[in-house]
Amino acid sequence: MGKMNPSETDLTPEAINKLKVAPTVAGVLPIIQQRWSPRAFSKTPVTLQELKTLLDAAHWAPSSSNEQPWRFIVGLKDDPTLGGSWNKLLAILVERNQLWAKHAPVLMFTVAKRTFTAKGANNHSALHDAGIAFGFLCLQAASMGLYAHGMAGYNPDGARAGFGISEDYELGAALAIGHLGTLNELDESFRKPEVSSRERKPLSEIVFAGEFGKSAGI
């Protein structure tokens, strides 16, 4: 762990949270502006009921033909039933993610069924739809005072082998969930993003009309 900077490590979770609120945009839901992805999690547990509420929110996401292709592998730290799954989820993360995710009381992994159950045809929207469910879960977490951080850094082969995921399911992302903590437990290399302002590309770079790459002027 690197040398601590008191100006950062002395910040309370409330102070850190204020730094991360997105700039106000008229009409945008406040919960969207407040949601962000920390790496610093406290030791405060997440209850099984809270986890169920997050999953209830996720599975009400829209999907192509209402296929609901998302599947969630969940682990709850120190839970007698789900604790083993938490350990396996932590193990499939790349080492750098393990350094901070080990403090999160909830770890999760998403996959998406590649084919439509009734028709057997390829579902090209599967991972897209699973991503929507993922987003619903993150917003539900924010509304409950919880924080979620998605991760692409994991071992795909380890995930498939460790959980017996067949090739009919496309791998999505891992997710750490918990209550916001302080910077004391984080490696110095993780601290700057925790307290830096959030930024997004302007709409002119991502919203097109007429042809791809031509700004819609919105």
Protein backbone atom coordinates (compact mmCIF):
# COMPACT_ATOMS: atom_id res chain seq x y z
CA MET A 1 0.00 0.00 0.00
CA GLY A 2 1.36 3.41 -0.97
CA LYS A 3 2.01 6.39 1.26
CA MET A 4 -1.22 8.02 2.44
CA ASN A 5 -2.09 11.58 1.57
CA PRO A 6 -3.93 13.00 4.63
CA SER A 7 -5.92 15.41 2.48
CA GLU A 8 -7.46 12.40 0.75
CA THR A 9 -7.54 9.70 3.39
CA ASP A 10 -9.13 11.99 6.00
CA LEU A 11 -12.15 12.58 3.79
CA THR A 12 -15.39 11.11 5.09
CA PRO A 13 -17.60 9.04 2.76
CA GLU A 14 -20.07 11.95 2.77
CA ALA A 15 -17.36 14.36 1.61
CA ILE A 16 -16.20 11.96 -1.10
CA ASN A 17 -19.77 11.54 -2.29
CA LYS A 18 -20.20 15.29 -2.72
CA LEU A 19 -17.12 15.38 -4.93
CA LYS A 20 -18.57 12.72 -7.22
CA VAL A 21 -22.03 14.18 -7.90
CA ALA A 22 -22.33 14.85 -11.63
CA PRO A 23 -23.00 18.38 -12.89
CA THR A 24 -26.69 19.23 -12.77
CA VAL A 25 -28.50 18.89 -16.10
CA ALA A 26 -32.08 20.13 -16.26
CA GLY A 27 -34.59 17.29 -16.34
CA VAL A 28 -32.12 14.46 -15.60
CA LEU A 29 -33.14 12.35 -12.63
CA PRO A 30 -31.05 13.21 -9.55
CA ILE A 31 -30.35 9.53 -8.87
CA ILE A 32 -28.52 9.32 -12.21
CA GLN A 33 -26.34 12.28 -11.26
CA GLN A 34 -25.62 10.77 -7.85
CA ARG A 35 -24.69 7.27 -9.04
CA TRP A 36 -20.99 6.55 -9.37
CA SER A 37 -18.59 3.61 -9.13
CA PRO A 38 -16.29 3.65 -6.09
CA ARG A 39 -13.54 1.23 -5.16
CA ALA A 40 -13.61 2.09 -1.47
CA PHE A 41 -16.16 -0.04 0.36
CA SER A 42 -16.86 -0.10 4.09
CA LYS A 43 -17.23 -3.20 6.25
CA THR A 44 -20.96 -2.49 6.66
CA PRO A 45 -22.76 -5.62 5.45
CA VAL A 46 -25.44 -5.79 2.79
CA THR A 47 -28.41 -7.89 3.88
CA LEU A 48 -29.87 -10.76 1.90
CA GLN A 49 -33.11 -8.78 1.59
CA GLU A 50 -31.22 -5.80 0.15
CA LEU A 51 -29.55 -8.10 -2.37
CA LYS A 52 -32.93 -9.52 -3.35
CA THR A 53 -34.31 -6.01 -3.84
CA LEU A 54 -31.45 -5.17 -6.21
CA LEU A 55 -32.13 -8.31 -8.24
CA ASP A 56 -35.88 -7.65 -8.26
CA ALA A 57 -35.14 -4.24 -9.81
CA ALA A 58 -32.74 -5.72 -12.37
CA HIS A 59 -35.12 -8.34 -13.68
CA TRP A 60 -37.76 -5.74 -14.54
CA ALA A 61 -35.54 -4.37 -17.29
CA PRO A 62 -36.84 -4.49 -20.88
CA SER A 63 -35.53 -7.13 -23.29
CA SER A 64 -36.02 -8.28 -26.88
CA SER A 65 -39.17 -10.44 -27.12
CA ASN A 66 -39.22 -10.35 -23.31
CA GLU A 67 -36.59 -13.10 -23.41
CA GLN A 68 -34.94 -11.84 -20.22
CA PRO A 69 -31.57 -13.33 -21.21
CA TRP A 70 -29.72 -12.09 -18.14
CA ARG A 71 -28.45 -14.45 -15.47
CA PHE A 72 -26.75 -13.40 -12.23
CA ILE A 73 -24.23 -15.33 -10.17
CA VAL A 74 -24.23 -13.81 -6.68
CA GLY A 75 -22.02 -13.98 -3.63
CA LEU A 76 -22.62 -12.47 -0.20
CA LYS A 77 -19.54 -12.24 1.99
CA ASP A 78 -19.70 -14.19 5.26
CA ASP A 79 -23.16 -15.54 4.41
CA PRO A 80 -23.38 -19.27 5.24
CA THR A 81 -25.06 -20.05 1.92
CA LEU A 82 -23.63 -17.47 -0.49
CA GLY A 83 -20.20 -16.96 1.08
CA GLY A 84 -18.62 -19.73 -0.94
CA SER A 85 -19.85 -18.15 -4.13
CA TRP A 86 -18.35 -14.81 -3.00
CA ASN A 87 -14.94 -16.45 -2.61
CA LYS A 88 -15.15 -18.00 -6.07
CA LEU A 89 -16.19 -14.66 -7.58
CA LEU A 90 -13.28 -12.88 -5.96
CA ALA A 91 -10.91 -15.54 -7.28
CA ILE A 92 -11.88 -14.99 -10.94
CA LEU A 93 -11.10 -11.26 -10.79
CA VAL A 94 -7.75 -10.02 -12.02
CA GLU A 95 -5.33 -9.34 -9.18
CA ARG A 96 -5.63 -5.56 -9.37
CA ASN A 97 -9.39 -5.73 -8.94
CA GLN A 98 -9.04 -8.20 -6.08
CA LEU A 99 -7.03 -5.60 -4.17
CA TRP A 100 -10.11 -3.46 -3.59
CA ALA A 101 -13.06 -5.73 -4.39
CA LYS A 102 -12.14 -7.95 -1.43
CA HIS A 103 -13.75 -5.33 0.82
CA ALA A 104 -17.13 -5.36 -0.97
CA PRO A 105 -19.78 -7.44 0.82
CA VAL A 106 -21.48 -8.39 -2.45
CA LEU A 107 -19.84 -9.72 -5.59
CA MET A 108 -21.79 -10.62 -8.69
CA PHE A 109 -21.25 -11.82 -12.24
CA THR A 110 -23.59 -11.38 -15.22
CA VAL A 111 -24.03 -13.58 -18.26
CA ALA A 112 -26.50 -13.48 -21.14
CA LYS A 113 -28.19 -16.38 -22.95
CA ARG A 114 -27.09 -16.20 -26.60
CA THR A 115 -30.21 -17.83 -28.07
CA PHE A 116 -33.95 -17.34 -27.79
CA THR A 117 -35.45 -20.14 -25.70
CA ALA A 118 -38.55 -20.70 -27.83
CA LYS A 119 -37.08 -20.19 -31.31
CA GLY A 120 -33.49 -21.32 -30.82
CA ALA A 121 -32.32 -18.41 -33.01
CA ASN A 122 -29.38 -16.23 -32.08
CA ASN A 123 -30.29 -13.36 -29.79
CA HIS A 124 -28.08 -10.51 -30.94
CA SER A 125 -29.51 -8.26 -28.22
CA ALA A 126 -28.73 -10.60 -25.35
CA LEU A 127 -25.70 -8.84 -23.90
CA HIS A 128 -27.26 -5.44 -24.60
CA ASP A 129 -30.36 -6.47 -22.64
CA ALA A 130 -28.26 -7.87 -19.80
CA GLY A 131 -26.51 -4.50 -19.70
CA ILE A 132 -29.83 -2.75 -19.24
CA ALA A 133 -30.62 -5.02 -16.29
CA PHE A 134 -27.15 -4.25 -14.95
CA GLY A 135 -27.95 -0.53 -15.20
CA PHE A 136 -31.30 -0.95 -13.45
CA LEU A 137 -29.52 -2.72 -10.61
CA CYS A 138 -26.96 0.08 -10.28
CA LEU A 139 -29.66 2.76 -10.09
CA GLN A 140 -31.65 0.73 -7.56
CA ALA A 141 -28.48 0.43 -5.48
CA ALA A 142 -27.97 4.20 -5.59
CA SER A 143 -31.56 4.76 -4.45
CA MET A 144 -30.85 2.53 -1.41
CA GLY A 145 -27.63 4.27 -0.40
CA LEU A 146 -25.53 1.46 -1.88
CA TYR A 147 -22.77 1.67 -4.48
CA ALA A 148 -21.95 -0.63 -7.39
CA HIS A 149 -18.77 -0.90 -9.44
CA GLY A 150 -18.71 -2.93 -12.65
CA MET A 151 -15.56 -4.76 -13.74
CA ALA A 152 -14.37 -6.13 -17.07
CA GLY A 153 -11.15 -7.31 -15.45
CA TYR A 154 -11.72 -11.01 -14.78
CA ASN A 155 -10.49 -14.39 -16.04
CA PRO A 156 -13.02 -15.62 -18.65
CA ASP A 157 -11.79 -19.21 -18.58
CA GLY A 158 -11.82 -19.16 -14.79
CA ALA A 159 -15.39 -17.87 -14.78
CA ARG A 160 -16.64 -20.56 -17.16
CA ALA A 161 -14.81 -23.37 -15.41
CA GLY A 162 -15.45 -22.18 -11.88
CA PHE A 163 -19.20 -21.82 -12.30
CA GLY A 164 -19.88 -24.29 -15.12
CA ILE A 165 -21.09 -21.64 -17.59
CA SER A 166 -21.88 -23.22 -20.95
CA GLU A 167 -21.01 -21.67 -24.32
CA ASP A 168 -24.70 -20.82 -24.83
CA TYR A 169 -24.13 -17.96 -22.40
CA GLU A 170 -22.05 -14.91 -23.24
CA LEU A 171 -19.94 -13.55 -20.41
CA GLY A 172 -20.82 -10.08 -19.24
CA ALA A 173 -19.20 -8.23 -16.34
CA ALA A 174 -18.42 -8.63 -12.67
CA LEU A 175 -19.90 -6.27 -10.09
CA ALA A 176 -18.95 -5.22 -6.56
CA ILE A 177 -21.66 -3.76 -4.31
CA GLY A 178 -21.60 -2.26 -0.85
CA HIS A 179 -21.60 0.86 1.29
CA LEU A 180 -19.16 3.67 0.56
CA GLY A 181 -15.96 3.52 2.60
CA THR A 182 -12.92 5.72 3.17
CA LEU A 183 -9.67 5.75 1.24
CA ASN A 184 -7.59 4.26 4.05
CA GLU A 185 -7.82 0.69 2.77
CA LEU A 186 -7.04 1.57 -0.84
CA ASP A 187 -3.70 1.43 -2.57
CA GLU A 188 -2.45 4.90 -3.39
CA SER A 189 -2.90 4.24 -7.12
CA PHE A 190 -6.66 3.91 -6.60
CA ARG A 191 -7.21 7.07 -4.59
CA LYS A 192 -7.07 9.81 -7.21
CA PRO A 193 -10.06 8.50 -9.25
CA GLU A 194 -12.08 8.28 -6.02
CA VAL A 195 -11.89 12.04 -5.45
CA SER A 196 -11.66 13.37 -9.01
CA SER A 197 -14.65 14.97 -10.72
CA ARG A 198 -16.73 12.89 -13.10
CA GLU A 199 -16.72 13.76 -16.79
CA ARG A 200 -18.56 12.64 -19.93
CA LYS A 201 -18.05 13.29 -23.63
CA PRO A 202 -20.27 16.01 -25.11
CA LEU A 203 -23.39 14.84 -26.95
CA SER A 204 -21.92 16.24 -30.17
CA GLU A 205 -19.39 13.39 -30.13
CA ILE A 206 -21.83 10.56 -29.51
CA VAL A 207 -25.23 11.54 -30.99
CA PHE A 208 -25.46 11.40 -34.80
CA ALA A 209 -28.05 12.08 -37.49
CA GLY A 210 -28.12 11.49 -41.24
CA GLU A 211 -24.94 9.42 -41.23
CA PHE A 212 -22.66 7.86 -38.68
CA GLY A 213 -20.23 10.38 -37.25
CA LYS A 214 -22.29 13.42 -38.24
CA SER A 215 -23.38 15.29 -35.15
CA ALA A 216 -27.12 15.65 -34.67
CA GLY A 217 -26.55 19.11 -33.24
CA ILE A 218 -28.39 18.32 -30.02
